[in-house]
N, C-alpha and C. Protein backbone atom coordinates (compact mmCIF):
# COMPACT_ATOMS: atom_id res chain seq x y z
N MET A 1 -145.02 -90.60 -67.86
CA MET A 1 -146.03 -91.59 -67.89
C MET A 1 -146.36 -91.93 -69.38
N GLU A 2 -146.08 -93.20 -69.70
CA GLU A 2 -146.28 -93.61 -71.09
C GLU A 2 -147.75 -94.16 -71.24
N SER A 3 -148.41 -93.74 -72.33
CA SER A 3 -149.71 -94.28 -72.63
C SER A 3 -149.73 -94.81 -74.02
N TYR A 4 -150.67 -95.72 -74.25
CA TYR A 4 -150.69 -96.35 -75.58
C TYR A 4 -152.18 -96.60 -75.95
N ILE A 5 -152.43 -96.83 -77.15
CA ILE A 5 -153.77 -97.07 -77.62
C ILE A 5 -153.97 -98.55 -77.50
N LYS A 6 -155.16 -98.90 -76.86
CA LYS A 6 -155.47 -100.34 -76.73
C LYS A 6 -155.99 -100.87 -78.09
N ASN A 7 -155.61 -102.09 -78.33
CA ASN A 7 -156.17 -102.82 -79.51
C ASN A 7 -157.27 -103.77 -79.08
N TYR A 8 -158.48 -103.59 -79.62
CA TYR A 8 -159.63 -104.35 -79.31
C TYR A 8 -159.81 -105.30 -80.48
N GLY A 9 -160.22 -106.53 -80.09
CA GLY A 9 -160.65 -107.51 -81.05
C GLY A 9 -162.17 -107.62 -80.90
N ILE A 10 -162.88 -107.62 -81.98
CA ILE A 10 -164.35 -107.72 -81.84
C ILE A 10 -164.75 -109.03 -82.52
N ILE A 11 -165.47 -109.92 -81.81
CA ILE A 11 -165.77 -111.21 -82.35
C ILE A 11 -167.38 -111.11 -82.49
N LEU A 12 -167.74 -111.29 -83.73
CA LEU A 12 -169.25 -111.26 -84.06
C LEU A 12 -169.66 -112.70 -84.08
N ALA A 13 -170.28 -113.06 -82.98
CA ALA A 13 -170.77 -114.48 -82.81
C ALA A 13 -172.29 -114.47 -82.51
N SER A 14 -173.02 -113.77 -83.31
CA SER A 14 -174.48 -113.61 -83.06
C SER A 14 -175.34 -114.29 -84.08
N GLY A 15 -174.72 -115.09 -84.99
CA GLY A 15 -175.48 -115.80 -85.99
C GLY A 15 -176.45 -116.81 -85.39
N ALA A 16 -177.48 -117.09 -86.19
CA ALA A 16 -178.46 -118.04 -85.75
C ALA A 16 -178.25 -119.47 -86.31
N GLY A 17 -177.35 -119.55 -87.33
CA GLY A 17 -177.08 -120.81 -87.91
C GLY A 17 -178.12 -121.27 -88.98
N SER A 18 -178.92 -120.35 -89.47
CA SER A 18 -180.01 -120.76 -90.39
C SER A 18 -179.41 -121.28 -91.66
N ARG A 19 -178.35 -120.72 -92.22
CA ARG A 19 -177.76 -121.17 -93.47
C ARG A 19 -177.01 -122.47 -93.21
N TYR A 20 -176.58 -122.67 -91.97
CA TYR A 20 -175.77 -123.86 -91.56
C TYR A 20 -176.71 -125.07 -91.44
N LYS A 21 -177.99 -124.81 -91.23
CA LYS A 21 -179.04 -125.84 -91.12
C LYS A 21 -178.74 -126.80 -89.96
N SER A 22 -178.56 -126.19 -88.80
CA SER A 22 -178.28 -126.93 -87.57
C SER A 22 -179.18 -126.47 -86.44
N ASP A 23 -179.38 -127.25 -85.50
CA ASP A 23 -180.15 -126.85 -84.26
C ASP A 23 -179.35 -125.85 -83.45
N VAL A 24 -178.08 -125.90 -83.61
CA VAL A 24 -177.12 -125.06 -82.81
C VAL A 24 -176.39 -124.20 -83.79
N PRO A 25 -176.26 -122.90 -83.50
CA PRO A 25 -175.46 -121.96 -84.33
C PRO A 25 -174.00 -122.53 -84.39
N LYS A 26 -173.33 -122.28 -85.60
CA LYS A 26 -172.04 -122.88 -85.83
C LYS A 26 -171.02 -122.39 -84.81
N GLN A 27 -171.18 -121.28 -84.23
CA GLN A 27 -170.21 -120.83 -83.23
C GLN A 27 -170.14 -121.65 -82.00
N PHE A 28 -171.20 -122.53 -81.82
CA PHE A 28 -171.29 -123.38 -80.64
C PHE A 28 -171.13 -124.93 -81.06
N VAL A 29 -170.82 -125.14 -82.28
CA VAL A 29 -170.55 -126.47 -82.69
C VAL A 29 -169.10 -126.87 -82.20
N LYS A 30 -169.00 -128.11 -81.76
CA LYS A 30 -167.67 -128.54 -81.20
C LYS A 30 -166.86 -129.18 -82.32
N ILE A 31 -165.60 -128.74 -82.34
CA ILE A 31 -164.57 -129.31 -83.25
C ILE A 31 -163.37 -129.52 -82.36
N ALA A 32 -162.84 -130.73 -82.39
CA ALA A 32 -161.67 -131.12 -81.58
C ALA A 32 -161.83 -130.84 -80.16
N GLY A 33 -163.09 -131.12 -79.64
CA GLY A 33 -163.35 -130.97 -78.14
C GLY A 33 -163.71 -129.53 -77.67
N LYS A 34 -163.70 -128.57 -78.54
CA LYS A 34 -164.02 -127.25 -78.12
C LYS A 34 -164.96 -126.60 -79.18
N THR A 35 -165.79 -125.66 -78.76
CA THR A 35 -166.65 -124.95 -79.66
C THR A 35 -165.83 -124.05 -80.61
N VAL A 36 -166.37 -123.65 -81.71
CA VAL A 36 -165.74 -122.83 -82.66
C VAL A 36 -165.48 -121.43 -81.91
N LEU A 37 -166.37 -121.07 -81.06
CA LEU A 37 -166.21 -119.83 -80.31
C LEU A 37 -165.01 -119.95 -79.39
N GLU A 38 -164.86 -121.09 -78.72
CA GLU A 38 -163.71 -121.28 -77.80
C GLU A 38 -162.39 -121.21 -78.58
N HIS A 39 -162.39 -121.84 -79.77
CA HIS A 39 -161.11 -121.81 -80.55
C HIS A 39 -160.76 -120.34 -80.90
N THR A 40 -161.79 -119.61 -81.31
CA THR A 40 -161.56 -118.18 -81.70
C THR A 40 -161.16 -117.33 -80.50
N LEU A 41 -161.83 -117.50 -79.40
CA LEU A 41 -161.45 -116.80 -78.18
C LEU A 41 -160.02 -117.09 -77.74
N ASP A 42 -159.62 -118.29 -77.84
CA ASP A 42 -158.26 -118.76 -77.48
C ASP A 42 -157.20 -117.93 -78.25
N ILE A 43 -157.46 -117.78 -79.57
CA ILE A 43 -156.55 -117.05 -80.40
C ILE A 43 -156.42 -115.63 -79.95
N PHE A 44 -157.59 -114.97 -79.72
CA PHE A 44 -157.49 -113.60 -79.29
C PHE A 44 -156.90 -113.46 -77.91
N GLU A 45 -157.25 -114.37 -76.97
CA GLU A 45 -156.74 -114.31 -75.66
C GLU A 45 -155.23 -114.50 -75.62
N ASN A 46 -154.68 -115.22 -76.54
CA ASN A 46 -153.20 -115.54 -76.49
C ASN A 46 -152.44 -114.61 -77.39
N SER A 47 -153.06 -113.67 -78.06
CA SER A 47 -152.33 -112.81 -78.96
C SER A 47 -151.81 -111.55 -78.19
N ALA A 48 -150.57 -111.35 -78.42
CA ALA A 48 -149.88 -110.18 -77.83
C ALA A 48 -150.34 -108.87 -78.45
N TYR A 49 -151.04 -108.93 -79.55
CA TYR A 49 -151.48 -107.81 -80.26
C TYR A 49 -152.84 -107.30 -79.85
N ILE A 50 -153.60 -108.12 -79.09
CA ILE A 50 -154.94 -107.77 -78.72
C ILE A 50 -154.89 -107.51 -77.21
N ASP A 51 -155.42 -106.31 -76.78
CA ASP A 51 -155.48 -105.98 -75.32
C ASP A 51 -156.82 -106.40 -74.74
N ALA A 52 -157.89 -106.37 -75.46
CA ALA A 52 -159.23 -106.60 -74.94
C ALA A 52 -160.04 -107.14 -76.06
N VAL A 53 -161.18 -107.89 -75.67
CA VAL A 53 -162.07 -108.53 -76.70
C VAL A 53 -163.45 -108.13 -76.40
N ILE A 54 -164.14 -107.67 -77.45
CA ILE A 54 -165.54 -107.38 -77.36
C ILE A 54 -166.26 -108.57 -78.02
N LEU A 55 -167.15 -109.25 -77.34
CA LEU A 55 -167.87 -110.38 -77.81
C LEU A 55 -169.36 -109.98 -78.09
N VAL A 56 -169.77 -110.09 -79.36
CA VAL A 56 -171.15 -109.78 -79.72
C VAL A 56 -171.87 -111.16 -79.86
N ILE A 57 -172.94 -111.30 -79.10
CA ILE A 57 -173.65 -112.54 -79.04
C ILE A 57 -175.15 -112.20 -78.96
N THR A 58 -175.97 -113.03 -79.60
CA THR A 58 -177.41 -112.83 -79.51
C THR A 58 -177.97 -113.11 -78.14
N PRO A 59 -178.93 -112.41 -77.68
CA PRO A 59 -179.45 -112.65 -76.32
C PRO A 59 -179.99 -114.06 -76.13
N ASP A 60 -180.38 -114.70 -77.15
CA ASP A 60 -180.90 -116.09 -77.01
C ASP A 60 -179.82 -117.08 -76.59
N TYR A 61 -178.58 -116.76 -76.90
CA TYR A 61 -177.46 -117.69 -76.52
C TYR A 61 -176.49 -117.11 -75.49
N ARG A 62 -176.91 -115.98 -74.85
CA ARG A 62 -176.02 -115.37 -73.89
C ARG A 62 -175.66 -116.29 -72.71
N GLN A 63 -176.56 -117.00 -72.19
CA GLN A 63 -176.22 -117.92 -70.99
C GLN A 63 -175.23 -118.88 -71.47
N PHE A 64 -175.43 -119.58 -72.59
CA PHE A 64 -174.45 -120.50 -73.20
C PHE A 64 -173.08 -119.92 -73.38
N ALA A 65 -173.02 -118.70 -73.93
CA ALA A 65 -171.81 -118.01 -74.12
C ALA A 65 -171.09 -117.69 -72.76
N GLU A 66 -171.89 -117.20 -71.82
CA GLU A 66 -171.35 -116.98 -70.43
C GLU A 66 -170.71 -118.18 -69.80
N GLU A 67 -171.38 -119.34 -69.99
CA GLU A 67 -170.85 -120.62 -69.43
C GLU A 67 -169.48 -120.86 -70.10
N ILE A 68 -169.36 -120.64 -71.37
CA ILE A 68 -168.06 -120.92 -72.08
C ILE A 68 -167.00 -119.96 -71.57
N LEU A 69 -167.38 -118.68 -71.32
CA LEU A 69 -166.44 -117.71 -70.80
C LEU A 69 -165.97 -118.07 -69.41
N LEU A 70 -166.91 -118.47 -68.60
CA LEU A 70 -166.54 -118.84 -67.14
C LEU A 70 -165.67 -120.12 -67.16
N LYS A 71 -166.06 -121.08 -67.95
CA LYS A 71 -165.29 -122.38 -67.96
C LYS A 71 -163.82 -122.14 -68.38
N ASN A 72 -163.62 -121.27 -69.30
CA ASN A 72 -162.34 -121.01 -69.81
C ASN A 72 -161.53 -119.92 -69.17
N ASN A 73 -162.23 -119.18 -68.32
CA ASN A 73 -161.54 -118.07 -67.53
C ASN A 73 -160.78 -117.08 -68.45
N PHE A 74 -161.47 -116.65 -69.50
CA PHE A 74 -160.88 -115.74 -70.47
C PHE A 74 -160.77 -114.36 -69.70
N LYS A 75 -159.55 -113.70 -69.83
CA LYS A 75 -159.35 -112.47 -69.07
C LYS A 75 -159.53 -111.22 -69.96
N LYS A 76 -159.50 -111.31 -71.24
CA LYS A 76 -159.57 -110.11 -72.12
C LYS A 76 -160.96 -109.70 -72.45
N ILE A 77 -162.03 -110.41 -72.10
CA ILE A 77 -163.34 -110.04 -72.48
C ILE A 77 -163.82 -108.79 -71.78
N VAL A 78 -164.33 -107.83 -72.54
CA VAL A 78 -164.83 -106.59 -72.01
C VAL A 78 -166.18 -106.84 -71.41
N PRO A 79 -166.41 -106.55 -70.15
CA PRO A 79 -167.76 -106.82 -69.53
C PRO A 79 -168.81 -105.91 -70.20
N ARG A 80 -170.02 -106.52 -70.24
CA ARG A 80 -171.17 -105.73 -70.72
C ARG A 80 -171.43 -104.53 -69.84
N ARG A 81 -171.84 -103.42 -70.36
CA ARG A 81 -172.13 -102.27 -69.63
C ARG A 81 -173.60 -101.98 -69.59
């Protein structure tokens, strides 16, 4: 039985956007039709070097982040425990 170490990607997306001076934190700003968070998650999701992703998000934007995760059907996100 062969075992290997899992490679986890950790995405720190809990900023409030105060320096960005926007009503919406920059991880939720849309660029080319997708949020910055979606672009980032796409890269991790499609990487052969990343087995699982831990997403750190502020509770204030949890629902918005969950909608993004559901809409895109990301498979590598580690569920909250």
